[in-house]
Amino acid sequence: MQFLKKLIREELEKVLANLNEVDFYKSVDYDKISSPENGKDSIIYNYEKGRTFAGDTLEVDIVNLNRYELVEYLPKSINEESWSFEFYTVYGTILIVDIKRTIRGGKNFWTLKFGQLYKGEQIPSLIGEMENIEGYENFKNAVNKNIALKMDPSKY
């Protein structure tokens, strides 16, 4: 058994010694991913462009989102990415808006969760949610019609 472990360790060390970060970068064509024909319905997978998309598109298209601060853009994979926005109220609570885009079966689905985190709590209370809406335009329209007014920070 010890001989087998030693053999596996040596083989892994050989493989890992030959790998570079450059090899991982080349495994995905980031130019095609981050410069899509229709940026509103394709995964961005680029931190700078993802944050720009949040400010130039999400905050402009979704009512009241421009009053929130972008806290995080996270490209989880070439099929999923998310944005997180926060607003600190005068009462010390935090309003949180999480937006996620997922590609499944070649189709683009958007999800928005809106909640409030009270002082001393770990998990926010969910106020509103829209899940698995196909296409950015449908998502934008549904959120503005159903949740955007609840996201007005002056109400909290």
Protein backbone atom coordinates (compact mmCIF):
# COMPACT_ATOMS: atom_id res chain seq x y z
CA MET A 1 0.00 0.00 0.00
CA GLN A 2 2.82 2.41 0.87
CA PHE A 3 4.44 1.69 -2.50
CA LEU A 4 1.20 2.54 -4.29
CA LYS A 5 0.82 5.82 -2.36
CA LYS A 6 4.41 6.76 -3.18
CA LEU A 7 3.89 6.00 -6.88
CA ILE A 8 0.71 8.10 -7.03
CA ARG A 9 2.38 10.99 -5.17
CA GLU A 10 5.32 10.97 -7.63
CA GLU A 11 3.04 10.95 -10.64
CA LEU A 12 0.97 13.82 -9.24
CA GLU A 13 4.10 15.83 -8.52
CA LYS A 14 5.23 15.35 -12.15
CA VAL A 15 1.90 16.55 -13.52
CA LEU A 16 1.62 19.50 -11.14
CA ALA A 17 5.21 20.57 -11.85
CA ASN A 18 4.36 20.96 -15.55
CA LEU A 19 1.13 22.93 -15.08
CA ASN A 20 1.10 26.73 -15.12
CA GLU A 21 -1.65 29.28 -14.60
CA VAL A 22 -1.26 30.11 -18.27
CA ASP A 23 -2.45 26.60 -19.14
CA PHE A 24 -5.67 27.14 -17.19
CA TYR A 25 -6.23 30.55 -18.79
CA LYS A 26 -5.87 29.08 -22.28
CA SER A 27 -8.41 26.35 -21.57
CA VAL A 28 -11.28 28.86 -21.94
CA ASP A 29 -11.54 31.44 -24.70
CA TYR A 30 -12.26 34.46 -22.48
CA ASP A 31 -12.50 36.87 -25.41
CA LYS A 32 -15.51 35.06 -26.81
CA ILE A 33 -17.13 34.68 -23.40
CA SER A 34 -16.56 38.26 -22.25
CA SER A 35 -17.42 39.89 -25.60
CA PRO A 36 -20.71 38.21 -26.48
CA GLU A 37 -22.95 39.32 -29.30
CA ASN A 38 -25.77 39.99 -26.84
CA GLY A 39 -24.15 40.82 -23.49
CA LYS A 40 -27.47 40.87 -21.66
CA ASP A 41 -28.08 37.19 -22.38
CA SER A 42 -24.57 35.70 -22.23
CA ILE A 43 -22.25 34.97 -19.32
CA ILE A 44 -19.67 37.75 -18.99
CA TYR A 45 -17.07 35.78 -16.96
CA ASN A 46 -14.82 38.82 -16.50
CA TYR A 47 -14.63 40.77 -13.21
CA GLU A 48 -14.18 44.20 -14.76
CA LYS A 49 -16.86 43.75 -17.43
CA GLY A 50 -19.22 42.11 -14.92
CA ARG A 51 -18.98 45.10 -12.58
CA THR A 52 -19.44 47.46 -15.54
CA PHE A 53 -22.52 45.49 -16.63
CA ALA A 54 -23.96 45.94 -13.13
CA GLY A 55 -23.54 49.73 -13.23
CA ASP A 56 -24.39 50.36 -16.86
CA THR A 57 -27.21 47.85 -17.31
CA LEU A 58 -28.66 46.32 -14.14
CA GLU A 59 -28.70 49.55 -12.11
CA VAL A 60 -30.18 51.45 -15.05
CA ASP A 61 -32.82 48.91 -16.10
CA ILE A 62 -34.09 47.82 -12.68
CA VAL A 63 -35.99 50.52 -10.80
CA ASN A 64 -34.47 51.51 -7.41
CA LEU A 65 -31.36 49.32 -7.87
CA ASN A 66 -29.26 52.42 -8.62
CA ARG A 67 -29.61 53.38 -4.94
CA TYR A 68 -27.80 50.20 -3.87
CA GLU A 69 -24.06 49.61 -3.86
CA LEU A 70 -22.56 46.73 -5.84
CA VAL A 71 -20.78 44.58 -3.28
CA GLU A 72 -19.75 41.59 -5.36
CA TYR A 73 -19.68 40.23 -8.88
CA LEU A 74 -18.94 36.52 -8.93
CA PRO A 75 -18.49 34.55 -12.16
CA LYS A 76 -18.97 31.05 -10.75
CA SER A 77 -18.52 29.21 -14.05
CA ILE A 78 -19.07 29.69 -17.77
CA ASN A 79 -22.72 28.81 -17.07
CA GLU A 80 -23.41 30.91 -13.96
CA GLU A 81 -22.62 34.32 -12.52
CA SER A 82 -24.11 36.54 -9.83
CA TRP A 83 -24.22 40.10 -8.53
CA SER A 84 -24.87 41.22 -4.96
CA PHE A 85 -26.04 44.73 -4.01
CA GLU A 86 -26.51 46.22 -0.53
CA PHE A 87 -28.04 49.29 1.07
CA TYR A 88 -27.47 50.24 4.73
CA THR A 89 -30.63 51.75 6.24
CA VAL A 90 -30.72 54.45 8.94
CA TYR A 91 -32.00 51.80 11.37
CA GLY A 92 -28.86 49.71 10.93
CA THR A 93 -30.38 46.96 8.84
CA ILE A 94 -29.02 45.94 5.45
CA LEU A 95 -31.17 45.57 2.34
CA ILE A 96 -29.72 42.93 0.03
CA VAL A 97 -30.43 42.28 -3.65
CA ASP A 98 -28.89 39.17 -5.23
CA ILE A 99 -29.15 38.64 -8.98
CA LYS A 100 -28.06 35.42 -10.66
CA ARG A 101 -27.82 34.50 -14.34
CA THR A 102 -27.64 30.83 -15.32
CA ILE A 103 -27.46 29.16 -18.72
CA ARG A 104 -29.21 25.79 -18.95
CA GLY A 105 -29.88 23.96 -22.17
CA GLY A 106 -28.67 26.93 -24.20
CA LYS A 107 -31.24 29.21 -22.57
CA ASN A 108 -30.59 32.12 -20.24
CA PHE A 109 -32.40 32.25 -16.87
CA TRP A 110 -32.37 35.09 -14.34
CA THR A 111 -33.16 35.05 -10.62
CA LEU A 112 -33.51 37.94 -8.16
CA LYS A 113 -33.80 37.66 -4.40
CA PHE A 114 -34.48 40.67 -2.20
CA GLY A 115 -34.14 40.54 1.56
CA GLN A 116 -33.36 42.44 4.72
CA LEU A 117 -30.68 41.53 7.25
CA TYR A 118 -31.51 42.72 10.76
CA LYS A 119 -28.88 43.54 13.39
CA GLY A 120 -27.46 40.46 15.06
CA GLU A 121 -28.88 38.01 12.52
CA GLN A 122 -26.89 35.79 10.16
CA ILE A 123 -29.56 35.05 7.54
CA PRO A 124 -31.59 37.79 5.81
CA SER A 125 -35.37 37.73 5.81
CA LEU A 126 -36.68 37.22 2.28
CA ILE A 127 -38.97 40.03 1.12
CA GLY A 128 -39.37 39.21 -2.57
CA GLU A 129 -38.09 36.79 -5.16
CA MET A 130 -38.32 36.10 -8.89
CA GLU A 131 -36.83 32.81 -10.06
CA ASN A 132 -35.85 31.29 -13.39
CA ILE A 133 -37.15 33.96 -15.74
CA GLU A 134 -36.01 33.28 -19.27
CA GLY A 135 -34.26 36.14 -21.09
CA TYR A 136 -33.03 39.48 -19.78
CA GLU A 137 -35.90 41.58 -21.15
CA ASN A 138 -38.52 39.31 -19.54
CA PHE A 139 -36.56 39.42 -16.28
CA LYS A 140 -36.26 43.21 -16.30
CA ASN A 141 -39.97 43.67 -16.99
CA ALA A 142 -41.07 41.14 -14.35
CA VAL A 143 -38.81 42.62 -11.65
CA ASN A 144 -39.89 46.19 -12.39
CA LYS A 145 -43.54 45.16 -12.30
CA ASN A 146 -43.46 42.93 -9.19
CA ILE A 147 -40.52 43.71 -6.89
CA ALA A 148 -38.91 47.06 -7.78
CA LEU A 149 -41.27 49.11 -5.61
CA LYS A 150 -40.51 46.89 -2.60
CA MET A 151 -36.79 47.58 -3.15
CA ASP A 152 -37.21 51.31 -2.50
CA PRO A 153 -34.81 51.97 0.41
CA SER A 154 -36.86 54.93 1.68
CA LYS A 155 -39.50 52.43 2.89
CA TYR A 156 -37.11 50.79 5.35
